[in-house]
PDB file of N, CA and C in Angstrom:
ATOM      1  N   UNK A   1      17.616  41.643 -24.143  1.00  0.00           N
ATOM      2  CA  UNK A   1      16.552  41.172 -23.286  1.00  0.00           C
ATOM      3  C   UNK A   1      15.428  42.202 -23.282  1.00  0.00           C
ATOM      4  N   UNK A   2      14.196  41.744 -23.373  1.00  0.00           N
ATOM      5  CA  UNK A   2      13.076  42.686 -23.281  1.00  0.00           C
ATOM      6  C   UNK A   2      12.934  43.209 -21.856  1.00  0.00           C
ATOM      7  N   UNK A   3      12.375  44.395 -21.716  1.00  0.00           N
ATOM      8  CA  UNK A   3      12.142  44.970 -20.406  1.00  0.00           C
ATOM      9  C   UNK A   3      11.134  44.105 -19.658  1.00  0.00           C
ATOM     10  N   UNK A   4      11.229  44.046 -18.342  1.00  0.00           N
ATOM     11  CA  UNK A   4      10.362  43.207 -17.521  1.00  0.00           C
ATOM     12  C   UNK A   4       8.891  43.591 -17.665  1.00  0.00           C
ATOM     13  N   UNK A   5       8.063  42.584 -17.903  1.00  0.00           N
ATOM     14  CA  UNK A   5       6.612  42.765 -17.962  1.00  0.00           C
ATOM     15  C   UNK A   5       5.984  41.650 -17.135  1.00  0.00           C
ATOM     16  N   UNK A   6       5.276  42.007 -16.093  1.00  0.00           N
ATOM     17  CA  UNK A   6       4.671  41.032 -15.185  1.00  0.00           C
ATOM     18  C   UNK A   6       3.829  40.000 -15.920  1.00  0.00           C
ATOM     19  N   UNK A   7       3.075  40.441 -16.920  1.00  0.00           N
ATOM     20  CA  UNK A   7       2.173  39.523 -17.615  1.00  0.00           C
ATOM     21  C   UNK A   7       2.908  38.439 -18.408  1.00  0.00           C
ATOM     22  N   UNK A   8       4.207  38.578 -18.600  1.00  0.00           N
ATOM     23  CA  UNK A   8       4.984  37.565 -19.335  1.00  0.00           C
ATOM     24  C   UNK A   8       5.804  36.661 -18.415  1.00  0.00           C
ATOM     25  N   UNK A   9       5.586  36.784 -17.102  1.00  0.00           N
ATOM     26  CA  UNK A   9       6.374  36.019 -16.144  1.00  0.00           C
ATOM     27  C   UNK A   9       6.125  34.516 -16.260  1.00  0.00           C
ATOM     28  N   UNK A  10       4.860  34.114 -16.291  1.00  0.00           N
ATOM     29  CA  UNK A  10       4.527  32.684 -16.297  1.00  0.00           C
ATOM     30  C   UNK A  10       3.880  32.194 -17.581  1.00  0.00           C
ATOM     31  N   UNK A  11       3.300  33.079 -18.358  1.00  0.00           N
ATOM     32  CA  UNK A  11       2.634  32.694 -19.599  1.00  0.00           C
ATOM     33  C   UNK A  11       3.137  33.566 -20.734  1.00  0.00           C
ATOM     34  N   UNK A  12       3.219  32.980 -21.906  1.00  0.00           N
ATOM     35  CA  UNK A  12       3.700  33.699 -23.100  1.00  0.00           C
ATOM     36  C   UNK A  12       5.084  34.306 -22.894  1.00  0.00           C
ATOM     37  N   UNK A  13       5.895  33.609 -22.099  1.00  0.00           N
ATOM     38  CA  UNK A  13       7.248  34.087 -21.815  1.00  0.00           C
ATOM     39  C   UNK A  13       8.075  34.045 -23.097  1.00  0.00           C
ATOM     40  N   UNK A  14       8.740  35.156 -23.449  1.00  0.00           N
ATOM     41  CA  UNK A  14       9.566  35.157 -24.660  1.00  0.00           C
ATOM     42  C   UNK A  14      10.641  34.072 -24.597  1.00  0.00           C
ATOM     43  N   UNK A  15      10.943  33.472 -25.738  1.00  0.00           N
ATOM     44  CA  UNK A  15      11.919  32.387 -25.798  1.00  0.00           C
ATOM     45  C   UNK A  15      13.277  32.814 -25.252  1.00  0.00           C
ATOM     46  N   UNK A  16      13.683  34.050 -25.526  1.00  0.00           N
ATOM     47  CA  UNK A  16      14.978  34.522 -25.017  1.00  0.00           C
ATOM     48  C   UNK A  16      15.019  34.496 -23.496  1.00  0.00           C
ATOM     49  N   UNK A  17      13.906  34.807 -22.859  1.00  0.00           N
ATOM     50  CA  UNK A  17      13.843  34.795 -21.397  1.00  0.00           C
ATOM     51  C   UNK A  17      13.869  33.354 -20.882  1.00  0.00           C
ATOM     52  N   UNK A  18      13.135  32.468 -21.510  1.00  0.00           N
ATOM     53  CA  UNK A  18      13.135  31.059 -21.102  1.00  0.00           C
ATOM     54  C   UNK A  18      14.535  30.462 -21.205  1.00  0.00           C
ATOM     55  N   UNK A  19      15.224  30.742 -22.301  1.00  0.00           N
ATOM     56  CA  UNK A  19      16.598  30.245 -22.476  1.00  0.00           C
ATOM     57  C   UNK A  19      17.521  30.824 -21.403  1.00  0.00           C
ATOM     58  N   UNK A  20      17.377  32.117 -21.135  1.00  0.00           N
ATOM     59  CA  UNK A  20      18.194  32.782 -20.120  1.00  0.00           C
ATOM     60  C   UNK A  20      17.940  32.180 -18.737  1.00  0.00           C
ATOM     61  N   UNK A  21      16.686  31.932 -18.406  1.00  0.00           N
ATOM     62  CA  UNK A  21      16.345  31.306 -17.124  1.00  0.00           C
ATOM     63  C   UNK A  21      17.006  29.938 -16.996  1.00  0.00           C
ATOM     64  N   UNK A  22      16.978  29.151 -18.067  1.00  0.00           N
ATOM     65  CA  UNK A  22      17.595  27.822 -18.038  1.00  0.00           C
ATOM     66  C   UNK A  22      19.103  27.898 -17.889  1.00  0.00           C
ATOM     67  N   UNK A  23      19.719  28.869 -18.534  1.00  0.00           N
ATOM     68  CA  UNK A  23      21.164  29.040 -18.373  1.00  0.00           C
ATOM     69  C   UNK A  23      21.520  29.350 -16.928  1.00  0.00           C
ATOM     70  N   UNK A  24      20.744  30.221 -16.305  1.00  0.00           N
ATOM     71  CA  UNK A  24      20.985  30.560 -14.901  1.00  0.00           C
ATOM     72  C   UNK A  24      20.742  29.344 -14.011  1.00  0.00           C
ATOM     73  N   UNK A  25      19.641  28.647 -14.259  1.00  0.00           N
ATOM     74  CA  UNK A  25      19.292  27.473 -13.466  1.00  0.00           C
ATOM     75  C   UNK A  25      20.400  26.423 -13.481  1.00  0.00           C
ATOM     76  N   UNK A  26      21.058  26.262 -14.616  1.00  0.00           N
ATOM     77  CA  UNK A  26      22.084  25.227 -14.769  1.00  0.00           C
ATOM     78  C   UNK A  26      23.511  25.725 -14.562  1.00  0.00           C
ATOM     79  N   UNK A  27      23.670  26.986 -14.213  1.00  0.00           N
ATOM     80  CA  UNK A  27      25.009  27.556 -14.042  1.00  0.00           C
ATOM     81  C   UNK A  27      25.587  27.220 -12.671  1.00  0.00           C
ATOM     82  N   UNK A  28      26.901  27.096 -12.616  1.00  0.00           N
ATOM     83  CA  UNK A  28      27.583  26.927 -11.337  1.00  0.00           C
ATOM     84  C   UNK A  28      27.636  28.253 -10.589  1.00  0.00           C
ATOM     85  N   UNK A  29      27.615  29.345 -11.329  1.00  0.00           N
ATOM     86  CA  UNK A  29      27.644  30.675 -10.743  1.00  0.00           C
ATOM     87  C   UNK A  29      27.326  31.702 -11.814  1.00  0.00           C
ATOM     88  N   UNK A  30      26.929  32.879 -11.388  1.00  0.00           N
ATOM     89  CA  UNK A  30      26.675  33.966 -12.340  1.00  0.00           C
ATOM     90  C   UNK A  30      27.316  35.246 -11.824  1.00  0.00           C
ATOM     91  N   UNK A  31      27.669  36.106 -12.748  1.00  0.00           N
ATOM     92  CA  UNK A  31      28.181  37.436 -12.413  1.00  0.00           C
ATOM     93  C   UNK A  31      27.181  38.455 -12.922  1.00  0.00           C
ATOM     94  N   UNK A  32      26.877  39.438 -12.101  1.00  0.00           N
ATOM     95  CA  UNK A  32      26.018  40.529 -12.520  1.00  0.00           C
ATOM     96  C   UNK A  32      26.891  41.772 -12.575  1.00  0.00           C
ATOM     97  N   UNK A  33      27.059  42.314 -13.765  1.00  0.00           N
ATOM     98  CA  UNK A  33      27.892  43.497 -13.970  1.00  0.00           C
ATOM     99  C   UNK A  33      27.062  44.574 -14.648  1.00  0.00           C
ATOM    100  N   UNK A  34      27.294  45.795 -14.257  1.00  0.00           N
ATOM    101  CA  UNK A  34      26.591  46.905 -14.872  1.00  0.00           C
ATOM    102  C   UNK A  34      27.499  48.126 -14.861  1.00  0.00           C
ATOM    103  N   UNK A  35      27.415  48.947 -15.876  1.00  0.00           N
ATOM    104  CA  UNK A  35      28.232  50.160 -15.887  1.00  0.00           C
ATOM    105  C   UNK A  35      27.661  51.211 -14.945  1.00  0.00           C
ATOM    106  N   UNK A  36      28.503  52.174 -14.616  1.00  0.00           N
ATOM    107  CA  UNK A  36      28.039  53.303 -13.824  1.00  0.00           C
ATOM    108  C   UNK A  36      27.096  54.160 -14.645  1.00  0.00           C
ATOM    109  N   UNK A  37      26.196  54.790 -13.970  1.00  0.00           N
ATOM    110  CA  UNK A  37      25.298  55.749 -14.605  1.00  0.00           C
ATOM    111  C   UNK A  37      25.125  56.898 -13.632  1.00  0.00           C
ATOM    112  N   UNK A  38      25.676  58.024 -13.947  1.00  0.00           N
ATOM    113  CA  UNK A  38      25.653  59.214 -13.090  1.00  0.00           C
ATOM    114  C   UNK A  38      26.161  58.853 -11.684  1.00  0.00           C
ATOM    115  N   UNK A  39      27.331  58.251 -11.638  1.00  0.00           N
ATOM    116  CA  UNK A  39      28.015  57.844 -10.411  1.00  0.00           C
ATOM    117  C   UNK A  39      27.237  56.808  -9.600  1.00  0.00           C
ATOM    118  N   UNK A  40      26.367  56.068 -10.232  1.00  0.00           N
ATOM    119  CA  UNK A  40      25.608  55.010  -9.586  1.00  0.00           C
ATOM    120  C   UNK A  40      25.397  53.912 -10.622  1.00  0.00           C
ATOM    121  N   UNK A  41      24.447  53.020 -10.401  1.00  0.00           N
ATOM    122  CA  UNK A  41      24.138  52.011 -11.394  1.00  0.00           C
ATOM    123  C   UNK A  41      22.758  52.276 -11.955  1.00  0.00           C
ATOM    124  N   UNK A  42      22.458  51.762 -13.145  1.00  0.00           N
ATOM    125  CA  UNK A  42      21.160  52.024 -13.765  1.00  0.00           C
ATOM    126  C   UNK A  42      19.991  51.609 -12.875  1.00  0.00           C
ATOM    127  N   UNK A  43      18.898  52.313 -12.998  1.00  0.00           N
ATOM    128  CA  UNK A  43      17.735  52.050 -12.155  1.00  0.00           C
ATOM    129  C   UNK A  43      17.191  50.641 -12.331  1.00  0.00           C
ATOM    130  N   UNK A  44      17.461  49.996 -13.452  1.00  0.00           N
ATOM    131  CA  UNK A  44      17.010  48.624 -13.673  1.00  0.00           C
ATOM    132  C   UNK A  44      17.563  47.659 -12.639  1.00  0.00           C
ATOM    133  N   UNK A  45      18.714  47.967 -12.063  1.00  0.00           N
ATOM    134  CA  UNK A  45      19.291  47.148 -10.996  1.00  0.00           C
ATOM    135  C   UNK A  45      19.205  47.840  -9.638  1.00  0.00           C
ATOM    136  N   UNK A  46      18.609  49.025  -9.589  1.00  0.00           N
ATOM    137  CA  UNK A  46      18.320  49.815  -8.398  1.00  0.00           C
ATOM    138  C   UNK A  46      19.560  50.360  -7.703  1.00  0.00           C
ATOM    139  N   UNK A  47      20.490  49.558  -7.260  1.00  0.00           N
ATOM    140  CA  UNK A  47      21.660  50.006  -6.504  1.00  0.00           C
ATOM    141  C   UNK A  47      22.367  48.813  -5.926  1.00  0.00           C
ATOM    142  N   UNK A  48      23.630  48.977  -5.509  1.00  0.00           N
ATOM    143  CA  UNK A  48      24.455  47.874  -5.016  1.00  0.00           C
ATOM    144  C   UNK A  48      23.812  47.195  -3.800  1.00  0.00           C
ATOM    145  N   UNK A  49      23.432  47.961  -2.794  1.00  0.00           N
ATOM    146  CA  UNK A  49      22.843  47.379  -1.591  1.00  0.00           C
ATOM    147  C   UNK A  49      21.480  46.756  -1.885  1.00  0.00           C
ATOM    148  N   UNK A  50      20.683  47.409  -2.729  1.00  0.00           N
ATOM    149  CA  UNK A  50      19.381  46.860  -3.086  1.00  0.00           C
ATOM    150  C   UNK A  50      19.522  45.561  -3.867  1.00  0.00           C
ATOM    151  N   UNK A  51      20.524  45.512  -4.748  1.00  0.00           N
ATOM    152  CA  UNK A  51      20.764  44.299  -5.524  1.00  0.00           C
ATOM    153  C   UNK A  51      21.140  43.141  -4.599  1.00  0.00           C
ATOM    154  N   UNK A  52      21.970  43.416  -3.597  1.00  0.00           N
ATOM    155  CA  UNK A  52      22.333  42.367  -2.638  1.00  0.00           C
ATOM    156  C   UNK A  52      21.100  41.885  -1.864  1.00  0.00           C
ATOM    157  N   UNK A  53      20.202  42.798  -1.521  1.00  0.00           N
ATOM    158  CA  UNK A  53      18.976  42.425  -0.823  1.00  0.00           C
ATOM    159  C   UNK A  53      18.102  41.525  -1.704  1.00  0.00           C
ATOM    160  N   UNK A  54      17.994  41.865  -2.971  1.00  0.00           N
ATOM    161  CA  UNK A  54      17.228  41.035  -3.912  1.00  0.00           C
ATOM    162  C   UNK A  54      17.859  39.651  -4.019  1.00  0.00           C
ATOM    163  N   UNK A  55      19.173  39.601  -4.102  1.00  0.00           N
ATOM    164  CA  UNK A  55      19.867  38.317  -4.214  1.00  0.00           C
ATOM    165  C   UNK A  55      19.628  37.452  -2.975  1.00  0.00           C
ATOM    166  N   UNK A  56      19.614  38.063  -1.787  1.00  0.00           N
ATOM    167  CA  UNK A  56      19.305  37.319  -0.563  1.00  0.00           C
ATOM    168  C   UNK A  56      17.876  36.786  -0.608  1.00  0.00           C
ATOM    169  N   UNK A  57      16.961  37.612  -1.093  1.00  0.00           N
ATOM    170  CA  UNK A  57      15.554  37.233  -1.155  1.00  0.00           C
ATOM    171  C   UNK A  57      15.335  36.001  -2.022  1.00  0.00           C
ATOM    172  N   UNK A  58      16.069  35.886  -3.126  1.00  0.00           N
ATOM    173  CA  UNK A  58      15.929  34.720  -4.002  1.00  0.00           C
ATOM    174  C   UNK A  58      16.922  33.608  -3.646  1.00  0.00           C
ATOM    175  N   UNK A  59      17.430  33.687  -2.416  1.00  0.00           N
ATOM    176  CA  UNK A  59      18.298  32.666  -1.829  1.00  0.00           C
ATOM    177  C   UNK A  59      19.576  32.406  -2.618  1.00  0.00           C
ATOM    178  N   UNK A  60      20.164  33.455  -3.128  1.00  0.00           N
ATOM    179  CA  UNK A  60      21.434  33.359  -3.829  1.00  0.00           C
ATOM    180  C   UNK A  60      22.559  33.236  -2.814  1.00  0.00           C
ATOM    181  N   UNK A  61      23.527  32.399  -3.105  1.00  0.00           N
ATOM    182  CA  UNK A  61      24.687  32.269  -2.221  1.00  0.00           C
ATOM    183  C   UNK A  61      25.739  33.283  -2.641  1.00  0.00           C
ATOM    184  N   UNK A  62      26.092  34.167  -1.728  1.00  0.00           N
ATOM    185  CA  UNK A  62      27.199  35.091  -1.950  1.00  0.00           C
ATOM    186  C   UNK A  62      27.718  35.543  -0.599  1.00  0.00           C
ATOM    187  N   UNK A  63      28.905  36.074  -0.601  1.00  0.00           N
ATOM    188  CA  UNK A  63      29.513  36.609   0.615  1.00  0.00           C
ATOM    189  C   UNK A  63      29.935  38.041   0.334  1.00  0.00           C
ATOM    190  N   UNK A  64      30.349  38.723   1.358  1.00  0.00           N
ATOM    191  CA  UNK A  64      30.854  40.087   1.162  1.00  0.00           C
ATOM    192  C   UNK A  64      32.044  40.066   0.199  1.00  0.00           C
ATOM    193  N   UNK A  65      32.843  39.005   0.282  1.00  0.00           N
ATOM    194  CA  UNK A  65      34.022  38.887  -0.582  1.00  0.00           C
ATOM    195  C   UNK A  65      33.668  38.613  -2.040  1.00  0.00           C
ATOM    196  N   UNK A  66      32.435  38.152  -2.305  1.00  0.00           N
ATOM    197  CA  UNK A  66      32.031  37.878  -3.687  1.00  0.00           C
ATOM    198  C   UNK A  66      31.116  38.958  -4.240  1.00  0.00           C
ATOM    199  N   UNK A  67      31.160  40.131  -3.621  1.00  0.00           N
ATOM    200  CA  UNK A  67      30.496  41.311  -4.175  1.00  0.00           C
ATOM    201  C   UNK A  67      31.562  42.382  -4.338  1.00  0.00           C
ATOM    202  N   UNK A  68      31.463  43.137  -5.395  1.00  0.00           N
ATOM    203  CA  UNK A  68      32.463  44.171  -5.648  1.00  0.00           C
ATOM    204  C   UNK A  68      31.815  45.348  -6.351  1.00  0.00           C
ATOM    205  N   UNK A  69      32.000  46.512  -5.777  1.00  0.00           N
ATOM    206  CA  UNK A  69      31.526  47.749  -6.373  1.00  0.00           C
ATOM    207  C   UNK A  69      32.754  48.590  -6.682  1.00  0.00           C
ATOM    208  N   UNK A  70      32.966  48.888  -7.959  1.00  0.00           N
ATOM    209  CA  UNK A  70      34.103  49.715  -8.372  1.00  0.00           C
ATOM    210  C   UNK A  70      33.548  51.078  -8.753  1.00  0.00           C
ATOM    211  N   UNK A  71      33.680  52.032  -7.855  1.00  0.00           N
ATOM    212  CA  UNK A  71      33.191  53.373  -8.140  1.00  0.00           C
ATOM    213  C   UNK A  71      34.231  54.130  -8.962  1.00  0.00           C
ATOM    214  N   UNK A  72      33.767  54.927  -9.904  1.00  0.00           N
ATOM    215  CA  UNK A  72      34.667  55.692 -10.754  1.00  0.00           C
ATOM    216  C   UNK A  72      35.502  54.820 -11.665  1.00  0.00           C
ATOM    217  N   UNK A  73      34.902  53.765 -12.197  1.00  0.00           N
ATOM    218  CA  UNK A  73      35.639  52.762 -12.977  1.00  0.00           C
ATOM    219  C   UNK A  73      36.319  53.358 -14.211  1.00  0.00           C
ATOM    220  N   UNK A  74      35.752  54.408 -14.786  1.00  0.00           N
ATOM    221  CA  UNK A  74      36.344  54.991 -16.002  1.00  0.00           C
ATOM    222  C   UNK A  74      37.785  55.427 -15.784  1.00  0.00           C
ATOM    223  N   UNK A  75      38.123  55.851 -14.589  1.00  0.00           N
ATOM    224  CA  UNK A  75      39.489  56.263 -14.304  1.00  0.00           C
ATOM    225  C   UNK A  75      40.365  55.156 -13.770  1.00  0.00           C
ATOM    226  N   UNK A  76      39.802  53.971 -13.593  1.00  0.00           N
ATOM    227  CA  UNK A  76      40.546  52.869 -12.993  1.00  0.00           C
ATOM    228  C   UNK A  76      40.843  51.736 -13.956  1.00  0.00           C
ATOM    229  N   UNK A  77      40.049  51.632 -15.025  1.00  0.00           N
ATOM    230  CA  UNK A  77      40.249  50.593 -16.033  1.00  0.00           C
ATOM    231  C   UNK A  77      40.169  51.254 -17.407  1.00  0.00           C
ATOM    232  N   UNK A  78      41.161  50.992 -18.247  1.00  0.00           N
ATOM    233  CA  UNK A  78      41.193  51.608 -19.572  1.00  0.00           C
ATOM    234  C   UNK A  78      40.130  51.010 -20.481  1.00  0.00           C
ATOM    235  N   UNK A  79      39.872  51.681 -21.600  1.00  0.00           N
ATOM    236  CA  UNK A  79      38.912  51.168 -22.586  1.00  0.00           C
ATOM    237  C   UNK A  79      39.333  49.802 -23.116  1.00  0.00           C
ATOM    238  N   UNK A  80      40.626  49.545 -23.092  1.00  0.00           N
ATOM    239  CA  UNK A  80      41.161  48.265 -23.570  1.00  0.00           C
ATOM    240  C   UNK A  80      41.084  47.175 -22.500  1.00  0.00           C
ATOM    241  N   UNK A  81      40.647  47.539 -21.285  1.00  0.00           N
ATOM    242  CA  UNK A  81      40.509  46.567 -20.213  1.00  0.00           C
ATOM    243  C   UNK A  81      41.706  46.464 -19.293  1.00  0.00           C
ATOM    244  N   UNK A  82      42.691  47.327 -19.458  1.00  0.00           N
ATOM    245  CA  UNK A  82      43.866  47.303 -18.584  1.00  0.00           C
ATOM    246  C   UNK A  82      43.526  48.012 -17.273  1.00  0.00           C
ATOM    247  N   UNK A  83      43.842  47.344 -16.168  1.00  0.00           N
ATOM    248  CA  UNK A  83      43.564  47.927 -14.855  1.00  0.00           C
ATOM    249  C   UNK A  83      44.653  48.940 -14.538  1.00  0.00           C
ATOM    250  N   UNK A  84      44.233  50.179 -14.349  1.00  0.00           N
ATOM    251  CA  UNK A  84      45.162  51.281 -14.130  1.00  0.00           C
ATOM    252  C   UNK A  84      45.405  51.561 -12.648  1.00  0.00           C
ATOM    253  N   UNK A  85      44.477  51.165 -11.813  1.00  0.00           N
ATOM    254  CA  UNK A  85      44.511  51.473 -10.392  1.00  0.00           C
ATOM    255  C   UNK A  85      44.926  50.232  -9.608  1.00  0.00           C
ATOM    256  N   UNK A  86      46.011  50.354  -8.823  1.00  0.00           N
ATOM    257  CA  UNK A  86      46.561  49.209  -8.093  1.00  0.00           C
ATOM    258  C   UNK A  86      45.551  48.637  -7.095  1.00  0.00           C
ATOM    259  N   UNK A  87      44.845  49.488  -6.372  1.00  0.00           N
ATOM    260  CA  UNK A  87      43.861  49.033  -5.388  1.00  0.00           C
ATOM    261  C   UNK A  87      42.728  48.254  -6.074  1.00  0.00           C
ATOM    262  N   UNK A  88      42.296  48.733  -7.226  1.00  0.00           N
ATOM    263  CA  UNK A  88      41.254  48.046  -7.979  1.00  0.00           C
ATOM    264  C   UNK A  88      41.736  46.680  -8.437  1.00  0.00           C
ATOM    265  N   UNK A  89      42.974  46.597  -8.872  1.00  0.00           N
ATOM    266  CA  UNK A  89      43.544  45.315  -9.307  1.00  0.00           C
ATOM    267  C   UNK A  89      43.553  44.319  -8.151  1.00  0.00           C
ATOM    268  N   UNK A  90      43.958  44.769  -6.985  1.00  0.00           N
ATOM    269  CA  UNK A  90      43.986  43.893  -5.810  1.00  0.00           C
ATOM    270  C   UNK A  90      42.577  43.428  -5.451  1.00  0.00           C
ATOM    271  N   UNK A  91      41.614  44.365  -5.474  1.00  0.00           N
ATOM    272  CA  UNK A  91      40.229  44.013  -5.149  1.00  0.00           C
ATOM    273  C   UNK A  91      39.654  43.022  -6.157  1.00  0.00           C
ATOM    274  N   UNK A  92      39.961  43.197  -7.440  1.00  0.00           N
ATOM    275  CA  UNK A  92      39.489  42.257  -8.466  1.00  0.00           C
ATOM    276  C   UNK A  92      40.098  40.875  -8.284  1.00  0.00           C
ATOM    277  N   UNK A  93      41.374  40.823  -7.935  1.00  0.00           N
ATOM    278  CA  UNK A  93      42.032  39.537  -7.698  1.00  0.00           C
ATOM    279  C   UNK A  93      41.416  38.825  -6.500  1.00  0.00           C
ATOM    280  N   UNK A  94      41.166  39.573  -5.416  1.00  0.00           N
ATOM    281  CA  UNK A  94      40.541  38.989  -4.226  1.00  0.00           C
ATOM    282  C   UNK A  94      39.125  38.515  -4.537  1.00  0.00           C
ATOM    283  N   UNK A  95      38.378  39.333  -5.279  1.00  0.00           N
ATOM    284  CA  UNK A  95      37.024  38.957  -5.674  1.00  0.00           C
ATOM    285  C   UNK A  95      37.042  37.663  -6.485  1.00  0.00           C
ATOM    286  N   UNK A  96      37.931  37.587  -7.465  1.00  0.00           N
ATOM    287  CA  UNK A  96      38.012  36.411  -8.341  1.00  0.00           C
ATOM    288  C   UNK A  96      38.308  35.151  -7.542  1.00  0.00           C
ATOM    289  N   UNK A  97      39.266  35.220  -6.634  1.00  0.00           N
ATOM    290  CA  UNK A  97      39.607  34.055  -5.804  1.00  0.00           C
ATOM    291  C   UNK A  97      38.409  33.636  -4.943  1.00  0.00           C
ATOM    292  N   UNK A  98      37.744  34.601  -4.346  1.00  0.00           N
ATOM    293  CA  UNK A  98      36.586  34.309  -3.498  1.00  0.00           C
ATOM    294  C   UNK A  98      35.426  33.736  -4.308  1.00  0.00           C
ATOM    295  N   UNK A  99      35.209  34.280  -5.497  1.00  0.00           N
ATOM    296  CA  UNK A  99      34.128  33.799  -6.360  1.00  0.00           C
ATOM    297  C   UNK A  99      34.370  32.348  -6.779  1.00  0.00           C
ATOM    298  N   UNK A 100      35.587  32.049  -7.211  1.00  0.00           N
ATOM    299  CA  UNK A 100      35.937  30.676  -7.623  1.00  0.00           C
ATOM    300  C   UNK A 100      35.770  29.712  -6.451  1.00  0.00           C
ATOM    301  N   UNK A 101      36.200  30.141  -5.280  1.00  0.00           N
ATOM    302  CA  UNK A 101      36.065  29.306  -4.088  1.00  0.00           C
ATOM    303  C   UNK A 101      34.589  29.031  -3.779  1.00  0.00           C
ATOM    304  N   UNK A 102      33.745  30.044  -3.831  1.00  0.00           N
ATOM    305  CA  UNK A 102      32.323  29.869  -3.568  1.00  0.00           C
ATOM    306  C   UNK A 102      31.660  28.955  -4.596  1.00  0.00           C
ATOM    307  N   UNK A 103      31.962  29.163  -5.866  1.00  0.00           N
ATOM    308  CA  UNK A 103      31.375  28.354  -6.945  1.00  0.00           C
ATOM    309  C   UNK A 103      31.794  26.888  -6.803  1.00  0.00           C
ATOM    310  N   UNK A 104      33.020  26.659  -6.332  1.00  0.00           N
ATOM    311  CA  UNK A 104      33.511  25.294  -6.178  1.00  0.00           C
ATOM    312  C   UNK A 104      33.102  24.658  -4.855  1.00  0.00           C
ATOM    313  N   UNK A 105      32.219  25.334  -4.110  1.00  0.00           N
ATOM    314  CA  UNK A 105      31.689  24.757  -2.888  1.00  0.00           C
ATOM    315  C   UNK A 105      32.477  25.043  -1.631  1.00  0.00           C
ATOM    316  N   UNK A 106      33.414  25.952  -1.718  1.00  0.00           N
ATOM    317  CA  UNK A 106      34.277  26.241  -0.573  1.00  0.00           C
ATOM    318  C   UNK A 106      33.883  27.356   0.227  1.00  0.00           C
TER     319      UNK A 106
END
């Protein structure tokens, strides 16, 4: 994805962005995931609390149960994707159930 440029928001929008917008528009739900960067998230997403504020502003439906911040993920999930930390596994399972419930209208 190209970096955000205000002048491309409504006119001369790159095709990749238009396609991405349509996918989001027609999706039952979306997940926003980002890796840690210096014990936080990249500045492009600002931060966990700021991201939730942005999502509220654009009238996104989510609950506390459908947000999850895994701090120190490198020590909790292996490179192969195996969850090493029991608490993280429980939180991911709870998140998944809550997310599916929200997407299905519950």
